Amino acid sequence: MTGEELRMLVLNKWGKMYDTRIHQRRDQFNKLGLYLQIMWKHVGQKSFPMTEQQYVEQLSAVAELLTEWGAQDVVRQKLPQSTKFPKMDTTGANAVMIPLDIELDD
């Protein structure tokens, strides 16, 4: 997977170039998991903390990790199927979390 492919997946799904991150957290069974997080901030937003070039570099780094871990097909499948929307509202910041199904050592 390339950064450009990841950008197009996000853009085609939500219509904006949202930031992406790799996030780790524990589930309800205390098992550590990795997630692709689609953030609520996007290119073109006044408060977006990156230049477009920095955004491209960030997406490339995330895509490279996804490919290295063999999780690119999970993202290709699950991202378009997501029913959630990355947003900031009265409940706070809501990122879309896509589980990557990668085994981690605690």
C-alpha atoms as a PDB file:
ATOM      1  CA  MET A   1       0.000   0.000   0.000  1.00  0.00           C
ATOM      2  CA  THR A   2       1.193   3.499  -0.771  1.00  0.00           C
ATOM      3  CA  GLY A   3       0.389   6.784   0.895  1.00  0.00           C
ATOM      4  CA  GLU A   4      -1.480   7.801  -2.259  1.00  0.00           C
ATOM      5  CA  GLU A   5      -3.681   4.694  -2.107  1.00  0.00           C
ATOM      6  CA  LEU A   6      -4.452   5.348   1.570  1.00  0.00           C
ATOM      7  CA  ARG A   7      -5.246   8.998   0.757  1.00  0.00           C
ATOM      8  CA  MET A   8      -7.652   7.922  -1.990  1.00  0.00           C
ATOM      9  CA  LEU A   9      -9.377   5.382   0.279  1.00  0.00           C
ATOM     10  CA  VAL A  10      -9.972   8.101   2.891  1.00  0.00           C
ATOM     11  CA  LEU A  11     -10.932  10.752   0.327  1.00  0.00           C
ATOM     12  CA  ASN A  12     -13.348   8.425  -1.513  1.00  0.00           C
ATOM     13  CA  LYS A  13     -14.991   7.357   1.747  1.00  0.00           C
ATOM     14  CA  TRP A  14     -15.415  10.708   3.521  1.00  0.00           C
ATOM     15  CA  GLY A  15     -14.728  13.350   0.864  1.00  0.00           C
ATOM     16  CA  LYS A  16     -11.861  14.997   2.764  1.00  0.00           C
ATOM     17  CA  MET A  17      -8.174  14.258   3.289  1.00  0.00           C
ATOM     18  CA  TYR A  18      -8.329  13.247   6.936  1.00  0.00           C
ATOM     19  CA  ASP A  19      -5.194  12.552   8.930  1.00  0.00           C
ATOM     20  CA  THR A  20      -4.408   8.935   9.783  1.00  0.00           C
ATOM     21  CA  ARG A  21      -2.460   7.452  12.677  1.00  0.00           C
ATOM     22  CA  ILE A  22      -1.535   4.068  14.050  1.00  0.00           C
ATOM     23  CA  HIS A  23      -2.969   3.696  17.541  1.00  0.00           C
ATOM     24  CA  GLN A  24      -2.609   0.954  20.128  1.00  0.00           C
ATOM     25  CA  ARG A  25      -5.029   0.308  22.955  1.00  0.00           C
ATOM     26  CA  ARG A  26      -6.401  -2.453  25.098  1.00  0.00           C
ATOM     27  CA  ASP A  27      -9.814  -3.964  24.444  1.00  0.00           C
ATOM     28  CA  GLN A  28     -12.412  -5.037  27.023  1.00  0.00           C
ATOM     29  CA  PHE A  29     -10.410  -8.236  27.639  1.00  0.00           C
ATOM     30  CA  ASN A  30      -7.210  -6.227  28.282  1.00  0.00           C
ATOM     31  CA  LYS A  31      -5.692  -7.481  25.033  1.00  0.00           C
ATOM     32  CA  LEU A  32      -3.422  -4.969  23.310  1.00  0.00           C
ATOM     33  CA  GLY A  33      -4.430  -4.209  19.722  1.00  0.00           C
ATOM     34  CA  LEU A  34      -3.348  -1.966  16.870  1.00  0.00           C
ATOM     35  CA  TYR A  35      -5.784   0.239  14.987  1.00  0.00           C
ATOM     36  CA  LEU A  36      -5.742   2.536  12.016  1.00  0.00           C
ATOM     37  CA  GLN A  37      -7.206   5.767  13.328  1.00  0.00           C
ATOM     38  CA  ILE A  38      -8.791   8.216  10.905  1.00  0.00           C
ATOM     39  CA  MET A  39      -8.654  11.532  12.724  1.00  0.00           C
ATOM     40  CA  TRP A  40     -11.204  14.356  12.636  1.00  0.00           C
ATOM     41  CA  LYS A  41      -8.742  16.957  11.313  1.00  0.00           C
ATOM     42  CA  HIS A  42      -8.223  17.285   7.580  1.00  0.00           C
ATOM     43  CA  VAL A  43      -6.194  19.147   4.975  1.00  0.00           C
ATOM     44  CA  GLY A  44      -7.757  22.548   4.306  1.00  0.00           C
ATOM     45  CA  GLN A  45      -9.025  23.014   7.855  1.00  0.00           C
ATOM     46  CA  LYS A  46      -7.619  26.149   9.550  1.00  0.00           C
ATOM     47  CA  SER A  47      -6.551  24.197  12.642  1.00  0.00           C
ATOM     48  CA  PHE A  48      -4.903  21.365  10.645  1.00  0.00           C
ATOM     49  CA  PRO A  49      -1.369  21.113  12.077  1.00  0.00           C
ATOM     50  CA  MET A  50       0.474  20.014   8.912  1.00  0.00           C
ATOM     51  CA  THR A  51       1.305  21.336   5.483  1.00  0.00           C
ATOM     52  CA  GLU A  52       0.038  19.269   2.570  1.00  0.00           C
ATOM     53  CA  GLN A  53       3.593  17.930   2.082  1.00  0.00           C
ATOM     54  CA  GLN A  54       3.769  16.844   5.740  1.00  0.00           C
ATOM     55  CA  TYR A  55       0.361  15.182   5.332  1.00  0.00           C
ATOM     56  CA  VAL A  56       1.611  13.217   2.307  1.00  0.00           C
ATOM     57  CA  GLU A  57       4.693  12.121   4.278  1.00  0.00           C
ATOM     58  CA  GLN A  58       2.541  11.082   7.247  1.00  0.00           C
ATOM     59  CA  LEU A  59       0.244   8.983   5.035  1.00  0.00           C
ATOM     60  CA  SER A  60       3.238   7.373   3.349  1.00  0.00           C
ATOM     61  CA  ALA A  61       4.694   6.406   6.736  1.00  0.00           C
ATOM     62  CA  VAL A  62       1.379   4.923   7.903  1.00  0.00           C
ATOM     63  CA  ALA A  63       0.918   3.036   4.613  1.00  0.00           C
ATOM     64  CA  GLU A  64       4.461   1.682   4.851  1.00  0.00           C
ATOM     65  CA  LEU A  65       3.773   0.309   8.355  1.00  0.00           C
ATOM     66  CA  LEU A  66       0.477  -1.233   7.252  1.00  0.00           C
ATOM     67  CA  THR A  67       2.270  -2.978   4.392  1.00  0.00           C
ATOM     68  CA  GLU A  68       5.156  -4.096   6.603  1.00  0.00           C
ATOM     69  CA  TRP A  69       2.679  -5.668   9.045  1.00  0.00           C
ATOM     70  CA  GLY A  70       0.618  -7.264   6.263  1.00  0.00           C
ATOM     71  CA  ALA A  71      -2.478  -5.257   7.266  1.00  0.00           C
ATOM     72  CA  GLN A  72      -3.036  -3.407   3.987  1.00  0.00           C
ATOM     73  CA  ASP A  73      -5.783  -5.779   2.798  1.00  0.00           C
ATOM     74  CA  VAL A  74      -7.642  -5.411   6.101  1.00  0.00           C
ATOM     75  CA  VAL A  75      -7.631  -1.626   5.594  1.00  0.00           C
ATOM     76  CA  ARG A  76      -8.686  -1.957   1.944  1.00  0.00           C
ATOM     77  CA  GLN A  77     -11.648  -4.060   3.058  1.00  0.00           C
ATOM     78  CA  LYS A  78     -12.720  -2.456   6.346  1.00  0.00           C
ATOM     79  CA  LEU A  79     -12.228   1.256   5.631  1.00  0.00           C
ATOM     80  CA  PRO A  80     -14.837   1.448   2.838  1.00  0.00           C
ATOM     81  CA  GLN A  81     -17.266  -0.593   4.983  1.00  0.00           C
ATOM     82  CA  SER A  82     -17.050   1.744   7.967  1.00  0.00           C
ATOM     83  CA  THR A  83     -20.334   3.327   9.012  1.00  0.00           C
ATOM     84  CA  LYS A  84     -18.652   5.887  11.301  1.00  0.00           C
ATOM     85  CA  PHE A  85     -17.543   9.408  10.463  1.00  0.00           C
ATOM     86  CA  PRO A  86     -14.454  11.227  11.809  1.00  0.00           C
ATOM     87  CA  LYS A  87     -15.751  14.383  13.496  1.00  0.00           C
ATOM     88  CA  MET A  88     -15.521  16.899  16.306  1.00  0.00           C
ATOM     89  CA  ASP A  89     -18.848  17.542  17.991  1.00  0.00           C
ATOM     90  CA  THR A  90     -20.383  18.176  21.407  1.00  0.00           C
ATOM     91  CA  THR A  91     -19.184  14.766  22.624  1.00  0.00           C
ATOM     92  CA  GLY A  92     -15.600  15.624  21.678  1.00  0.00           C
ATOM     93  CA  ALA A  93     -13.240  14.307  19.038  1.00  0.00           C
ATOM     94  CA  ASN A  94     -14.349  11.083  17.384  1.00  0.00           C
ATOM     95  CA  ALA A  95     -11.831   9.226  15.257  1.00  0.00           C
ATOM     96  CA  VAL A  96     -12.773   6.201  13.177  1.00  0.00           C
ATOM     97  CA  MET A  97     -10.933   3.135  14.523  1.00  0.00           C
ATOM     98  CA  ILE A  98     -10.183   0.232  12.181  1.00  0.00           C
ATOM     99  CA  PRO A  99      -8.795  -2.859  13.959  1.00  0.00           C
ATOM    100  CA  LEU A 100      -5.728  -4.214  12.179  1.00  0.00           C
ATOM    101  CA  ASP A 101      -5.825  -7.829  13.391  1.00  0.00           C
ATOM    102  CA  ILE A 102      -2.114  -7.845  14.229  1.00  0.00           C
ATOM    103  CA  GLU A 103      -0.839 -10.018  17.064  1.00  0.00           C
ATOM    104  CA  LEU A 104       1.107  -8.007  19.637  1.00  0.00           C
ATOM    105  CA  ASP A 105       3.163  -9.116  22.570  1.00  0.00           C
ATOM    106  CA  ASP A 106       2.087  -7.440  25.788  1.00  0.00           C
END
